[in-house]
């Protein structure tokens, strides 16, 4: 009887891990502009009150060390959205007015035809 119980437990564990491998992970990626390493209470700020970020931090996994493609918002978002270096799309600074973008040889927005995780095809 003991061996049958052990065999049943092993089978249940094996089946459970196979089904778990079939599911895609539930990932929510949050990117905040101009947030320093200690700008929320959960990360050590002495007087800012950030209860929602604190709760999210307690209920999730935090990855605090990584590299970004650019320290500016628009190129960083371009890299995250496309998986490519932002220079490939001529995005090397923040999107601004048409005149400012033109002076920096930048487009006014990311080309809608660029492949992102929500798009299935691309002309790039």
PDB file of N, CA and C in Angstrom:
ATOM      1  N   UNK A   1       0.821  -1.190   0.000  1.00  0.00           N
ATOM      2  CA  UNK A   1       0.000   0.000   0.000  1.00  0.00           C
ATOM      3  C   UNK A   1       0.870   1.261   0.000  1.00  0.00           C
ATOM      4  N   UNK A   2       1.975   1.222   0.769  1.00  0.00           N
ATOM      5  CA  UNK A   2       2.883   2.361   0.848  1.00  0.00           C
ATOM      6  C   UNK A   2       3.498   2.643  -0.519  1.00  0.00           C
ATOM      7  N   UNK A   3       3.870   1.596  -1.257  1.00  0.00           N
ATOM      8  CA  UNK A   3       4.476   1.774  -2.576  1.00  0.00           C
ATOM      9  C   UNK A   3       3.469   2.347  -3.573  1.00  0.00           C
ATOM     10  N   UNK A   4       2.221   1.945  -3.452  1.00  0.00           N
ATOM     11  CA  UNK A   4       1.177   2.473  -4.328  1.00  0.00           C
ATOM     12  C   UNK A   4       0.976   3.958  -4.073  1.00  0.00           C
ATOM     13  N   UNK A   5       1.011   4.366  -2.801  1.00  0.00           N
ATOM     14  CA  UNK A   5       0.864   5.777  -2.453  1.00  0.00           C
ATOM     15  C   UNK A   5       2.024   6.591  -3.034  1.00  0.00           C
ATOM     16  N   UNK A   6       3.244   6.096  -2.895  1.00  0.00           N
ATOM     17  CA  UNK A   6       4.425   6.789  -3.426  1.00  0.00           C
ATOM     18  C   UNK A   6       4.346   6.881  -4.951  1.00  0.00           C
ATOM     19  N   UNK A   7       3.942   5.814  -5.600  1.00  0.00           N
ATOM     20  CA  UNK A   7       3.795   5.817  -7.052  1.00  0.00           C
ATOM     21  C   UNK A   7       2.723   6.820  -7.481  1.00  0.00           C
ATOM     22  N   UNK A   8       1.612   6.868  -6.765  1.00  0.00           N
ATOM     23  CA  UNK A   8       0.543   7.811  -7.080  1.00  0.00           C
ATOM     24  C   UNK A   8       1.018   9.255  -6.900  1.00  0.00           C
ATOM     25  N   UNK A   9       1.761   9.533  -5.846  1.00  0.00           N
ATOM     26  CA  UNK A   9       2.289  10.873  -5.609  1.00  0.00           C
ATOM     27  C   UNK A   9       3.278  11.269  -6.704  1.00  0.00           C
ATOM     28  N   UNK A  10       4.144  10.345  -7.100  1.00  0.00           N
ATOM     29  CA  UNK A  10       5.110  10.634  -8.163  1.00  0.00           C
ATOM     30  C   UNK A  10       4.389  10.920  -9.474  1.00  0.00           C
ATOM     31  N   UNK A  11       3.361  10.128  -9.800  1.00  0.00           N
ATOM     32  CA  UNK A  11       2.589  10.326 -11.024  1.00  0.00           C
ATOM     33  C   UNK A  11       1.875  11.682 -11.003  1.00  0.00           C
ATOM     34  N   UNK A  12       1.303  12.045  -9.884  1.00  0.00           N
ATOM     35  CA  UNK A  12       0.611  13.327  -9.754  1.00  0.00           C
ATOM     36  C   UNK A  12       1.582  14.486  -9.934  1.00  0.00           C
ATOM     37  N   UNK A  13       2.746  14.377  -9.333  1.00  0.00           N
ATOM     38  CA  UNK A  13       3.762  15.420  -9.467  1.00  0.00           C
ATOM     39  C   UNK A  13       4.218  15.552 -10.911  1.00  0.00           C
ATOM     40  N   UNK A  14       4.478  14.427 -11.557  1.00  0.00           N
ATOM     41  CA  UNK A  14       4.920  14.441 -12.949  1.00  0.00           C
ATOM     42  C   UNK A  14       3.851  15.047 -13.854  1.00  0.00           C
ATOM     43  N   UNK A  15       2.608  14.645 -13.696  1.00  0.00           N
ATOM     44  CA  UNK A  15       1.523  15.182 -14.523  1.00  0.00           C
ATOM     45  C   UNK A  15       1.322  16.667 -14.266  1.00  0.00           C
ATOM     46  N   UNK A  16       1.428  17.070 -13.031  1.00  0.00           N
ATOM     47  CA  UNK A  16       1.262  18.487 -12.702  1.00  0.00           C
ATOM     48  C   UNK A  16       2.343  19.339 -13.321  1.00  0.00           C
ATOM     49  N   UNK A  17       3.591  18.870 -13.342  1.00  0.00           N
ATOM     50  CA  UNK A  17       4.673  19.659 -13.922  1.00  0.00           C
ATOM     51  C   UNK A  17       4.565  19.716 -15.438  1.00  0.00           C
ATOM     52  N   UNK A  18       4.053  18.664 -16.067  1.00  0.00           N
ATOM     53  CA  UNK A  18       3.877  18.683 -17.521  1.00  0.00           C
ATOM     54  C   UNK A  18       2.815  19.711 -17.897  1.00  0.00           C
ATOM     55  N   UNK A  19       1.695  19.727 -17.169  1.00  0.00           N
ATOM     56  CA  UNK A  19       0.639  20.697 -17.468  1.00  0.00           C
ATOM     57  C   UNK A  19       1.094  22.121 -17.158  1.00  0.00           C
ATOM     58  N   UNK A  20       1.891  22.305 -16.136  1.00  0.00           N
ATOM     59  CA  UNK A  20       2.385  23.636 -15.797  1.00  0.00           C
ATOM     60  C   UNK A  20       3.305  24.156 -16.900  1.00  0.00           C
ATOM     61  N   UNK A  21       4.057  23.262 -17.546  1.00  0.00           N
ATOM     62  CA  UNK A  21       4.949  23.682 -18.616  1.00  0.00           C
ATOM     63  C   UNK A  21       4.179  24.133 -19.853  1.00  0.00           C
ATOM     64  N   UNK A  22       2.931  23.652 -20.024  1.00  0.00           N
ATOM     65  CA  UNK A  22       2.123  24.031 -21.170  1.00  0.00           C
ATOM     66  C   UNK A  22       1.568  25.452 -21.055  1.00  0.00           C
ATOM     67  N   UNK A  23       1.457  25.976 -19.850  1.00  0.00           N
ATOM     68  CA  UNK A  23       0.899  27.311 -19.645  1.00  0.00           C
ATOM     69  C   UNK A  23       1.960  28.375 -19.864  1.00  0.00           C
ATOM     70  N   UNK A  24       1.550  29.496 -20.416  1.00  0.00           N
ATOM     71  CA  UNK A  24       2.459  30.619 -20.564  1.00  0.00           C
ATOM     72  C   UNK A  24       2.506  31.382 -19.251  1.00  0.00           C
ATOM     73  N   UNK A  25       3.654  31.975 -18.929  1.00  0.00           N
ATOM     74  CA  UNK A  25       3.738  32.717 -17.668  1.00  0.00           C
ATOM     75  C   UNK A  25       2.890  33.981 -17.714  1.00  0.00           C
ATOM     76  N   UNK A  26       2.435  34.410 -16.558  1.00  0.00           N
ATOM     77  CA  UNK A  26       1.658  35.632 -16.421  1.00  0.00           C
ATOM     78  C   UNK A  26       2.631  36.743 -16.040  1.00  0.00           C
ATOM     79  N   UNK A  27       2.978  37.580 -17.008  1.00  0.00           N
ATOM     80  CA  UNK A  27       3.988  38.612 -16.788  1.00  0.00           C
ATOM     81  C   UNK A  27       3.389  39.976 -17.063  1.00  0.00           C
ATOM     82  N   UNK A  28       3.578  40.881 -16.135  1.00  0.00           N
ATOM     83  CA  UNK A  28       3.223  42.283 -16.323  1.00  0.00           C
ATOM     84  C   UNK A  28       4.516  43.062 -16.174  1.00  0.00           C
ATOM     85  N   UNK A  29       4.895  43.762 -17.209  1.00  0.00           N
ATOM     86  CA  UNK A  29       6.146  44.519 -17.207  1.00  0.00           C
ATOM     87  C   UNK A  29       5.819  45.990 -16.995  1.00  0.00           C
ATOM     88  N   UNK A  30       6.349  46.581 -15.941  1.00  0.00           N
ATOM     89  CA  UNK A  30       6.121  47.992 -15.644  1.00  0.00           C
ATOM     90  C   UNK A  30       7.417  48.763 -15.882  1.00  0.00           C
ATOM     91  N   UNK A  31       7.323  49.806 -16.683  1.00  0.00           N
ATOM     92  CA  UNK A  31       8.470  50.669 -16.957  1.00  0.00           C
ATOM     93  C   UNK A  31       8.060  52.082 -16.562  1.00  0.00           C
ATOM     94  N   UNK A  32       8.793  52.682 -15.657  1.00  0.00           N
ATOM     95  CA  UNK A  32       8.477  54.041 -15.230  1.00  0.00           C
ATOM     96  C   UNK A  32       9.595  54.974 -15.663  1.00  0.00           C
ATOM     97  N   UNK A  33       9.224  56.149 -16.126  1.00  0.00           N
ATOM     98  CA  UNK A  33      10.199  57.146 -16.544  1.00  0.00           C
ATOM     99  C   UNK A  33      10.700  57.923 -15.332  1.00  0.00           C
ATOM    100  N   UNK A  34      11.979  58.182 -15.320  1.00  0.00           N
ATOM    101  CA  UNK A  34      12.604  59.039 -14.311  1.00  0.00           C
ATOM    102  C   UNK A  34      12.436  58.557 -12.877  1.00  0.00           C
ATOM    103  N   UNK A  35      12.261  57.271 -12.678  1.00  0.00           N
ATOM    104  CA  UNK A  35      12.167  56.753 -11.310  1.00  0.00           C
ATOM    105  C   UNK A  35      13.543  56.267 -10.883  1.00  0.00           C
ATOM    106  N   UNK A  36      14.017  56.777  -9.775  1.00  0.00           N
ATOM    107  CA  UNK A  36      15.294  56.344  -9.233  1.00  0.00           C
ATOM    108  C   UNK A  36      15.130  55.061  -8.442  1.00  0.00           C
ATOM    109  N   UNK A  37      16.243  54.496  -8.029  1.00  0.00           N
ATOM    110  CA  UNK A  37      16.212  53.201  -7.338  1.00  0.00           C
ATOM    111  C   UNK A  37      15.495  53.284  -5.998  1.00  0.00           C
ATOM    112  N   UNK A  38      15.410  54.445  -5.383  1.00  0.00           N
ATOM    113  CA  UNK A  38      14.772  54.545  -4.074  1.00  0.00           C
ATOM    114  C   UNK A  38      13.591  55.488  -4.041  1.00  0.00           C
ATOM    115  N   UNK A  39      12.912  55.678  -5.158  1.00  0.00           N
ATOM    116  CA  UNK A  39      11.817  56.652  -5.225  1.00  0.00           C
ATOM    117  C   UNK A  39      10.463  56.118  -4.778  1.00  0.00           C
ATOM    118  N   UNK A  40      10.401  54.942  -4.242  1.00  0.00           N
ATOM    119  CA  UNK A  40       9.155  54.390  -3.710  1.00  0.00           C
ATOM    120  C   UNK A  40       9.433  53.867  -2.303  1.00  0.00           C
ATOM    121  N   UNK A  41       8.411  53.842  -1.480  1.00  0.00           N
ATOM    122  CA  UNK A  41       8.587  53.386  -0.102  1.00  0.00           C
ATOM    123  C   UNK A  41       9.098  51.946  -0.054  1.00  0.00           C
ATOM    124  N   UNK A  42       8.624  51.104  -0.962  1.00  0.00           N
ATOM    125  CA  UNK A  42       9.042  49.695  -0.971  1.00  0.00           C
ATOM    126  C   UNK A  42      10.535  49.536  -1.231  1.00  0.00           C
ATOM    127  N   UNK A  43      11.144  50.552  -1.833  1.00  0.00           N
ATOM    128  CA  UNK A  43      12.573  50.481  -2.136  1.00  0.00           C
ATOM    129  C   UNK A  43      13.385  51.432  -1.270  1.00  0.00           C
ATOM    130  N   UNK A  44      12.776  51.911  -0.190  1.00  0.00           N
ATOM    131  CA  UNK A  44      13.547  52.640   0.801  1.00  0.00           C
ATOM    132  C   UNK A  44      13.343  54.133   0.904  1.00  0.00           C
ATOM    133  N   UNK A  45      12.402  54.724   0.173  1.00  0.00           N
ATOM    134  CA  UNK A  45      12.230  56.173   0.305  1.00  0.00           C
ATOM    135  C   UNK A  45      11.654  56.490   1.678  1.00  0.00           C
ATOM    136  N   UNK A  46      12.238  57.461   2.382  1.00  0.00           N
ATOM    137  CA  UNK A  46      11.843  57.713   3.769  1.00  0.00           C
ATOM    138  C   UNK A  46      10.477  58.375   3.963  1.00  0.00           C
ATOM    139  N   UNK A  47       9.951  59.145   2.975  1.00  0.00           N
ATOM    140  CA  UNK A  47       8.679  59.808   3.243  1.00  0.00           C
ATOM    141  C   UNK A  47       7.649  59.728   2.124  1.00  0.00           C
ATOM    142  N   UNK A  48       7.989  59.294   0.919  1.00  0.00           N
ATOM    143  CA  UNK A  48       6.961  59.086  -0.102  1.00  0.00           C
ATOM    144  C   UNK A  48       6.087  57.907   0.294  1.00  0.00           C
ATOM    145  N   UNK A  49       4.786  58.063   0.161  1.00  0.00           N
ATOM    146  CA  UNK A  49       3.845  56.986   0.464  1.00  0.00           C
ATOM    147  C   UNK A  49       3.380  56.374  -0.861  1.00  0.00           C
ATOM    148  N   UNK A  50       3.725  55.124  -1.074  1.00  0.00           N
ATOM    149  CA  UNK A  50       3.362  54.431  -2.321  1.00  0.00           C
ATOM    150  C   UNK A  50       2.755  53.068  -1.980  1.00  0.00           C
ATOM    151  N   UNK A  51       1.576  53.044  -1.369  1.00  0.00           N
ATOM    152  CA  UNK A  51       1.009  51.771  -0.902  1.00  0.00           C
ATOM    153  C   UNK A  51       0.721  50.772  -2.022  1.00  0.00           C
ATOM    154  N   UNK A  52       0.302  51.246  -3.196  1.00  0.00           N
ATOM    155  CA  UNK A  52       0.009  50.311  -4.285  1.00  0.00           C
ATOM    156  C   UNK A  52       1.285  49.669  -4.831  1.00  0.00           C
ATOM    157  N   UNK A  53       2.330  50.463  -5.004  1.00  0.00           N
ATOM    158  CA  UNK A  53       3.616  49.884  -5.427  1.00  0.00           C
ATOM    159  C   UNK A  53       4.174  48.957  -4.350  1.00  0.00           C
ATOM    160  N   UNK A  54       3.994  49.316  -3.096  1.00  0.00           N
ATOM    161  CA  UNK A  54       4.473  48.471  -2.002  1.00  0.00           C
ATOM    162  C   UNK A  54       3.782  47.108  -2.034  1.00  0.00           C
ATOM    163  N   UNK A  55       2.461  47.104  -2.221  1.00  0.00           N
ATOM    164  CA  UNK A  55       1.713  45.844  -2.273  1.00  0.00           C
ATOM    165  C   UNK A  55       2.114  45.027  -3.494  1.00  0.00           C
ATOM    166  N   UNK A  56       2.259  45.685  -4.634  1.00  0.00           N
ATOM    167  CA  UNK A  56       2.683  44.994  -5.849  1.00  0.00           C
ATOM    168  C   UNK A  56       4.061  44.368  -5.656  1.00  0.00           C
ATOM    169  N   UNK A  57       4.943  45.070  -4.981  1.00  0.00           N
ATOM    170  CA  UNK A  57       6.280  44.551  -4.718  1.00  0.00           C
ATOM    171  C   UNK A  57       6.226  43.318  -3.823  1.00  0.00           C
ATOM    172  N   UNK A  58       5.368  43.343  -2.814  1.00  0.00           N
ATOM    173  CA  UNK A  58       5.259  42.208  -1.895  1.00  0.00           C
ATOM    174  C   UNK A  58       4.667  40.978  -2.566  1.00  0.00           C
ATOM    175  N   UNK A  59       3.806  41.177  -3.573  1.00  0.00           N
ATOM    176  CA  UNK A  59       3.112  40.065  -4.213  1.00  0.00           C
ATOM    177  C   UNK A  59       3.769  39.598  -5.511  1.00  0.00           C
ATOM    178  N   UNK A  60       4.922  40.128  -5.828  1.00  0.00           N
ATOM    179  CA  UNK A  60       5.522  39.788  -7.124  1.00  0.00           C
ATOM    180  C   UNK A  60       7.025  39.576  -6.983  1.00  0.00           C
ATOM    181  N   UNK A  61       7.649  39.413  -8.106  1.00  0.00           N
ATOM    182  CA  UNK A  61       9.103  39.262  -8.156  1.00  0.00           C
ATOM    183  C   UNK A  61       9.679  40.527  -8.759  1.00  0.00           C
ATOM    184  N   UNK A  62      10.675  41.063  -8.115  1.00  0.00           N
ATOM    185  CA  UNK A  62      11.294  42.306  -8.567  1.00  0.00           C
ATOM    186  C   UNK A  62      12.675  42.012  -9.125  1.00  0.00           C
ATOM    187  N   UNK A  63      12.908  42.486 -10.340  1.00  0.00           N
ATOM    188  CA  UNK A  63      14.229  42.382 -10.947  1.00  0.00           C
ATOM    189  C   UNK A  63      14.803  43.794 -10.964  1.00  0.00           C
ATOM    190  N   UNK A  64      15.769  44.046 -10.125  1.00  0.00           N
ATOM    191  CA  UNK A  64      16.268  45.400  -9.926  1.00  0.00           C
ATOM    192  C   UNK A  64      17.535  45.749 -10.661  1.00  0.00           C
ATOM    193  N   UNK A  65      18.149  44.806 -11.347  1.00  0.00           N
ATOM    194  CA  UNK A  65      19.366  45.114 -12.084  1.00  0.00           C
ATOM    195  C   UNK A  65      19.208  44.648 -13.518  1.00  0.00           C
ATOM    196  N   UNK A  66      19.252  45.582 -14.421  1.00  0.00           N
ATOM    197  CA  UNK A  66      19.203  45.264 -15.835  1.00  0.00           C
ATOM    198  C   UNK A  66      19.720  46.475 -16.597  1.00  0.00           C
ATOM    199  N   UNK A  67      19.964  46.285 -17.847  1.00  0.00           N
ATOM    200  CA  UNK A  67      20.455  47.361 -18.691  1.00  0.00           C
ATOM    201  C   UNK A  67      19.346  47.807 -19.635  1.00  0.00           C
ATOM    202  N   UNK A  68      19.331  49.083 -19.928  1.00  0.00           N
ATOM    203  CA  UNK A  68      18.384  49.614 -20.900  1.00  0.00           C
ATOM    204  C   UNK A  68      19.170  50.048 -22.128  1.00  0.00           C
ATOM    205  N   UNK A  69      18.488  50.118 -23.250  1.00  0.00           N
ATOM    206  CA  UNK A  69      19.146  50.489 -24.496  1.00  0.00           C
ATOM    207  C   UNK A  69      19.512  51.967 -24.533  1.00  0.00           C
ATOM    208  N   UNK A  70      18.845  52.771 -23.713  1.00  0.00           N
ATOM    209  CA  UNK A  70      19.073  54.207 -23.701  1.00  0.00           C
ATOM    210  C   UNK A  70      18.501  54.750 -22.400  1.00  0.00           C
ATOM    211  N   UNK A  71      19.111  55.755 -21.809  1.00  0.00           N
ATOM    212  CA  UNK A  71      18.572  56.293 -20.564  1.00  0.00           C
ATOM    213  C   UNK A  71      17.360  57.209 -20.757  1.00  0.00           C
ATOM    214  N   UNK A  72      16.916  57.411 -21.984  1.00  0.00           N
ATOM    215  CA  UNK A  72      15.792  58.281 -22.289  1.00  0.00           C
ATOM    216  C   UNK A  72      14.574  57.425 -22.628  1.00  0.00           C
ATOM    217  N   UNK A  73      13.372  57.940 -22.327  1.00  0.00           N
ATOM    218  CA  UNK A  73      12.143  57.161 -22.419  1.00  0.00           C
ATOM    219  C   UNK A  73      11.838  56.598 -23.806  1.00  0.00           C
ATOM    220  N   UNK A  74      11.791  57.395 -24.844  1.00  0.00           N
ATOM    221  CA  UNK A  74      11.354  56.914 -26.163  1.00  0.00           C
ATOM    222  C   UNK A  74      12.247  55.814 -26.735  1.00  0.00           C
ATOM    223  N   UNK A  75      13.578  55.965 -26.710  1.00  0.00           N
ATOM    224  CA  UNK A  75      14.405  54.863 -27.206  1.00  0.00           C
ATOM    225  C   UNK A  75      14.296  53.602 -26.344  1.00  0.00           C
ATOM    226  N   UNK A  76      14.182  53.762 -25.036  1.00  0.00           N
ATOM    227  CA  UNK A  76      14.031  52.591 -24.168  1.00  0.00           C
ATOM    228  C   UNK A  76      12.750  51.851 -24.483  1.00  0.00           C
ATOM    229  N   UNK A  77      11.664  52.579 -24.648  1.00  0.00           N
ATOM    230  CA  UNK A  77      10.387  51.950 -24.978  1.00  0.00           C
ATOM    231  C   UNK A  77      10.443  51.289 -26.355  1.00  0.00           C
ATOM    232  N   UNK A  78      11.116  51.915 -27.296  1.00  0.00           N
ATOM    233  CA  UNK A  78      11.272  51.316 -28.622  1.00  0.00           C
ATOM    234  C   UNK A  78      11.994  49.982 -28.521  1.00  0.00           C
ATOM    235  N   UNK A  79      13.059  49.942 -27.735  1.00  0.00           N
ATOM    236  CA  UNK A  79      13.811  48.695 -27.559  1.00  0.00           C
ATOM    237  C   UNK A  79      12.965  47.621 -26.892  1.00  0.00           C
ATOM    238  N   UNK A  80      12.231  47.968 -25.846  1.00  0.00           N
ATOM    239  CA  UNK A  80      11.383  46.994 -25.169  1.00  0.00           C
ATOM    240  C   UNK A  80      10.274  46.486 -26.079  1.00  0.00           C
ATOM    241  N   UNK A  81       9.696  47.377 -26.869  1.00  0.00           N
ATOM    242  CA  UNK A  81       8.566  47.003 -27.715  1.00  0.00           C
ATOM    243  C   UNK A  81       8.970  46.179 -28.937  1.00  0.00           C
ATOM    244  N   UNK A  82      10.196  46.391 -29.432  1.00  0.00           N
ATOM    245  CA  UNK A  82      10.599  45.720 -30.667  1.00  0.00           C
ATOM    246  C   UNK A  82      11.635  44.625 -30.464  1.00  0.00           C
ATOM    247  N   UNK A  83      12.386  44.698 -29.381  1.00  0.00           N
ATOM    248  CA  UNK A  83      13.474  43.751 -29.178  1.00  0.00           C
ATOM    249  C   UNK A  83      14.700  44.106 -30.000  1.00  0.00           C
ATOM    250  N   UNK A  84      14.724  45.304 -30.566  1.00  0.00           N
ATOM    251  CA  UNK A  84      15.842  45.758 -31.401  1.00  0.00           C
ATOM    252  C   UNK A  84      16.460  47.020 -30.807  1.00  0.00           C
ATOM    253  N   UNK A  85      17.668  47.315 -31.240  1.00  0.00           N
ATOM    254  CA  UNK A  85      18.266  48.582 -30.842  1.00  0.00           C
ATOM    255  C   UNK A  85      17.422  49.720 -31.413  1.00  0.00           C
ATOM    256  N   UNK A  86      17.167  50.773 -30.648  1.00  0.00           N
ATOM    257  CA  UNK A  86      16.314  51.857 -31.134  1.00  0.00           C
ATOM    258  C   UNK A  86      16.896  52.598 -32.332  1.00  0.00           C
ATOM    259  N   UNK A  87      18.210  52.577 -32.483  1.00  0.00           N
ATOM    260  CA  UNK A  87      18.830  53.255 -33.626  1.00  0.00           C
ATOM    261  C   UNK A  87      18.382  52.635 -34.950  1.00  0.00           C
ATOM    262  N   UNK A  88      17.981  51.380 -34.929  1.00  0.00           N
ATOM    263  CA  UNK A  88      17.480  50.736 -36.147  1.00  0.00           C
ATOM    264  C   UNK A  88      16.276  51.485 -36.709  1.00  0.00           C
ATOM    265  N   UNK A  89      15.527  52.141 -35.831  1.00  0.00           N
ATOM    266  CA  UNK A  89      14.332  52.879 -36.225  1.00  0.00           C
ATOM    267  C   UNK A  89      14.556  54.391 -36.129  1.00  0.00           C
ATOM    268  N   UNK A  90      15.818  54.810 -35.997  1.00  0.00           N
ATOM    269  CA  UNK A  90      16.233  56.216 -35.890  1.00  0.00           C
ATOM    270  C   UNK A  90      15.651  56.898 -34.657  1.00  0.00           C
ATOM    271  N   UNK A  91      15.385  56.142 -33.602  1.00  0.00           N
ATOM    272  CA  UNK A  91      14.868  56.705 -32.349  1.00  0.00           C
ATOM    273  C   UNK A  91      16.031  56.754 -31.366  1.00  0.00           C
ATOM    274  N   UNK A  92      16.623  57.924 -31.206  1.00  0.00           N
ATOM    275  CA  UNK A  92      17.783  58.047 -30.321  1.00  0.00           C
ATOM    276  C   UNK A  92      17.607  59.144 -29.275  1.00  0.00           C
ATOM    277  N   UNK A  93      16.429  59.701 -29.200  1.00  0.00           N
ATOM    278  CA  UNK A  93      16.096  60.694 -28.192  1.00  0.00           C
ATOM    279  C   UNK A  93      14.608  60.621 -27.922  1.00  0.00           C
ATOM    280  N   UNK A  94      14.148  61.473 -27.024  1.00  0.00           N
ATOM    281  CA  UNK A  94      12.701  61.459 -26.726  1.00  0.00           C
ATOM    282  C   UNK A  94      11.927  62.070 -27.894  1.00  0.00           C
ATOM    283  N   UNK A  95      10.728  61.547 -28.140  1.00  0.00           N
ATOM    284  CA  UNK A  95       9.868  62.127 -29.165  1.00  0.00           C
ATOM    285  C   UNK A  95       9.430  63.519 -28.701  1.00  0.00           C
ATOM    286  N   UNK A  96       9.499  64.482 -29.602  1.00  0.00           N
ATOM    287  CA  UNK A  96       9.159  65.863 -29.268  1.00  0.00           C
ATOM    288  C   UNK A  96       8.292  66.422 -30.398  1.00  0.00           C
ATOM    289  N   UNK A  97       8.402  67.706 -30.654  1.00  0.00           N
ATOM    290  CA  UNK A  97       7.633  68.299 -31.747  1.00  0.00           C
ATOM    291  C   UNK A  97       8.211  67.841 -33.082  1.00  0.00           C
ATOM    292  N   UNK A  98       7.437  68.012 -34.144  1.00  0.00           N
ATOM    293  CA  UNK A  98       7.896  67.616 -35.476  1.00  0.00           C
ATOM    294  C   UNK A  98       9.211  68.316 -35.824  1.00  0.00           C
ATOM    295  N   UNK A  99       9.297  69.596 -35.527  1.00  0.00           N
ATOM    296  CA  UNK A  99      10.513  70.360 -35.849  1.00  0.00           C
ATOM    297  C   UNK A  99      11.715  69.841 -35.075  1.00  0.00           C
ATOM    298  N   UNK A 100      11.528  69.559 -33.794  1.00  0.00           N
ATOM    299  CA  UNK A 100      12.643  69.048 -32.983  1.00  0.00           C
ATOM    300  C   UNK A 100      13.057  67.656 -33.447  1.00  0.00           C
ATOM    301  N   UNK A 101      12.081  66.814 -33.753  1.00  0.00           N
ATOM    302  CA  UNK A 101      12.404  65.476 -34.249  1.00  0.00           C
ATOM    303  C   UNK A 101      13.141  65.560 -35.578  1.00  0.00           C
ATOM    304  N   UNK A 102      12.691  66.425 -36.468  1.00  0.00           N
ATOM    305  CA  UNK A 102      13.335  66.581 -37.773  1.00  0.00           C
ATOM    306  C   UNK A 102      14.771  67.080 -37.614  1.00  0.00           C
ATOM    307  N   UNK A 103      15.002  68.017 -36.689  1.00  0.00           N
ATOM    308  CA  UNK A 103      16.347  68.537 -36.451  1.00  0.00           C
ATOM    309  C   UNK A 103      17.295  67.445 -35.943  1.00  0.00           C
ATOM    310  N   UNK A 104      16.741  66.439 -35.280  1.00  0.00           N
ATOM    311  CA  UNK A 104      17.563  65.336 -34.756  1.00  0.00           C
ATOM    312  C   UNK A 104      17.508  64.108 -35.666  1.00  0.00           C
ATOM    313  N   UNK A 105      16.943  64.257 -36.864  1.00  0.00           N
ATOM    314  CA  UNK A 105      16.817  63.163 -37.839  1.00  0.00           C
ATOM    315  C   UNK A 105      16.048  61.975 -37.257  1.00  0.00           C
ATOM    316  N   UNK A 106      14.994  62.299 -36.507  1.00  0.00           N
ATOM    317  CA  UNK A 106      14.150  61.276 -35.893  1.00  0.00           C
ATOM    318  C   UNK A 106      12.759  61.298 -36.499  1.00  0.00           C
ATOM    319  N   UNK A 107      12.069  60.163 -36.483  1.00  0.00           N
ATOM    320  CA  UNK A 107      10.659  60.177 -36.894  1.00  0.00           C
ATOM    321  C   UNK A 107       9.811  60.809 -35.795  1.00  0.00           C
ATOM    322  N   UNK A 108       8.549  61.045 -36.098  1.00  0.00           N
ATOM    323  CA  UNK A 108       7.641  61.608 -35.089  1.00  0.00           C
ATOM    324  C   UNK A 108       7.036  60.534 -34.198  1.00  0.00           C
ATOM    325  N   UNK A 109       7.129  59.263 -34.586  1.00  0.00           N
ATOM    326  CA  UNK A 109       6.606  58.139 -33.821  1.00  0.00           C
ATOM    327  C   UNK A 109       7.222  56.863 -34.362  1.00  0.00           C
ATOM    328  N   UNK A 110       7.037  55.793 -33.649  1.00  0.00           N
ATOM    329  CA  UNK A 110       7.495  54.490 -34.114  1.00  0.00           C
ATOM    330  C   UNK A 110       6.584  54.040 -35.250  1.00  0.00           C
ATOM    331  N   UNK A 111       7.168  53.616 -36.336  1.00  0.00           N
ATOM    332  CA  UNK A 111       6.405  53.177 -37.509  1.00  0.00           C
ATOM    333  C   UNK A 111       5.411  52.088 -37.102  1.00  0.00           C
ATOM    334  N   UNK A 112       4.129  52.258 -37.408  1.00  0.00           N
ATOM    335  CA  UNK A 112       3.114  51.260 -37.031  1.00  0.00           C
ATOM    336  C   UNK A 112       3.350  49.882 -37.665  1.00  0.00           C
ATOM    337  N   UNK A 113       4.158  49.799 -38.719  1.00  0.00           N
ATOM    338  CA  UNK A 113       4.426  48.518 -39.370  1.00  0.00           C
ATOM    339  C   UNK A 113       5.551  47.732 -38.692  1.00  0.00           C
ATOM    340  N   UNK A 114       6.204  48.329 -37.713  1.00  0.00           N
ATOM    341  CA  UNK A 114       7.299  47.658 -37.014  1.00  0.00           C
ATOM    342  C   UNK A 114       6.754  46.485 -36.206  1.00  0.00           C
ATOM    343  N   UNK A 115       7.487  45.370 -36.222  1.00  0.00           N
ATOM    344  CA  UNK A 115       7.070  44.174 -35.493  1.00  0.00           C
ATOM    345  C   UNK A 115       7.199  44.400 -33.986  1.00  0.00           C
ATOM    346  N   UNK A 116       6.087  44.210 -33.296  1.00  0.00           N
ATOM    347  CA  UNK A 116       6.053  44.243 -31.835  1.00  0.00           C
ATOM    348  C   UNK A 116       5.377  42.953 -31.381  1.00  0.00           C
ATOM    349  N   UNK A 117       5.382  42.657 -30.088  1.00  0.00           N
ATOM    350  CA  UNK A 117       4.757  41.410 -29.632  1.00  0.00           C
ATOM    351  C   UNK A 117       3.278  41.272 -30.013  1.00  0.00           C
ATOM    352  N   UNK A 118       2.577  42.374 -30.235  1.00  0.00           N
ATOM    353  CA  UNK A 118       1.168  42.282 -30.594  1.00  0.00           C
ATOM    354  C   UNK A 118       0.952  42.169 -32.100  1.00  0.00           C
ATOM    355  N   UNK A 119       1.989  42.407 -32.880  1.00  0.00           N
ATOM    356  CA  UNK A 119       1.899  42.293 -34.345  1.00  0.00           C
ATOM    357  C   UNK A 119       2.481  40.971 -34.771  1.00  0.00           C
ATOM    358  N   UNK A 120       1.936  40.359 -35.813  1.00  0.00           N
ATOM    359  CA  UNK A 120       2.411  39.069 -36.294  1.00  0.00           C
ATOM    360  C   UNK A 120       3.273  39.170 -37.533  1.00  0.00           C
ATOM    361  N   UNK A 121       3.247  40.304 -38.228  1.00  0.00           N
ATOM    362  CA  UNK A 121       4.072  40.451 -39.418  1.00  0.00           C
ATOM    363  C   UNK A 121       4.674  41.842 -39.443  1.00  0.00           C
ATOM    364  N   UNK A 122       5.703  42.016 -40.263  1.00  0.00           N
ATOM    365  CA  UNK A 122       6.395  43.282 -40.306  1.00  0.00           C
ATOM    366  C   UNK A 122       6.993  43.503 -41.683  1.00  0.00           C
ATOM    367  N   UNK A 123       7.124  44.751 -42.046  1.00  0.00           N
ATOM    368  CA  UNK A 123       7.806  45.062 -43.291  1.00  0.00           C
ATOM    369  C   UNK A 123       9.240  45.483 -43.041  1.00  0.00           C
ATOM    370  N   UNK A 124       9.676  45.503 -41.767  1.00  0.00           N
ATOM    371  CA  UNK A 124      11.033  45.929 -41.417  1.00  0.00           C
ATOM    372  C   UNK A 124      11.957  44.742 -41.477  1.00  0.00           C
TER     373      UNK A 124
END
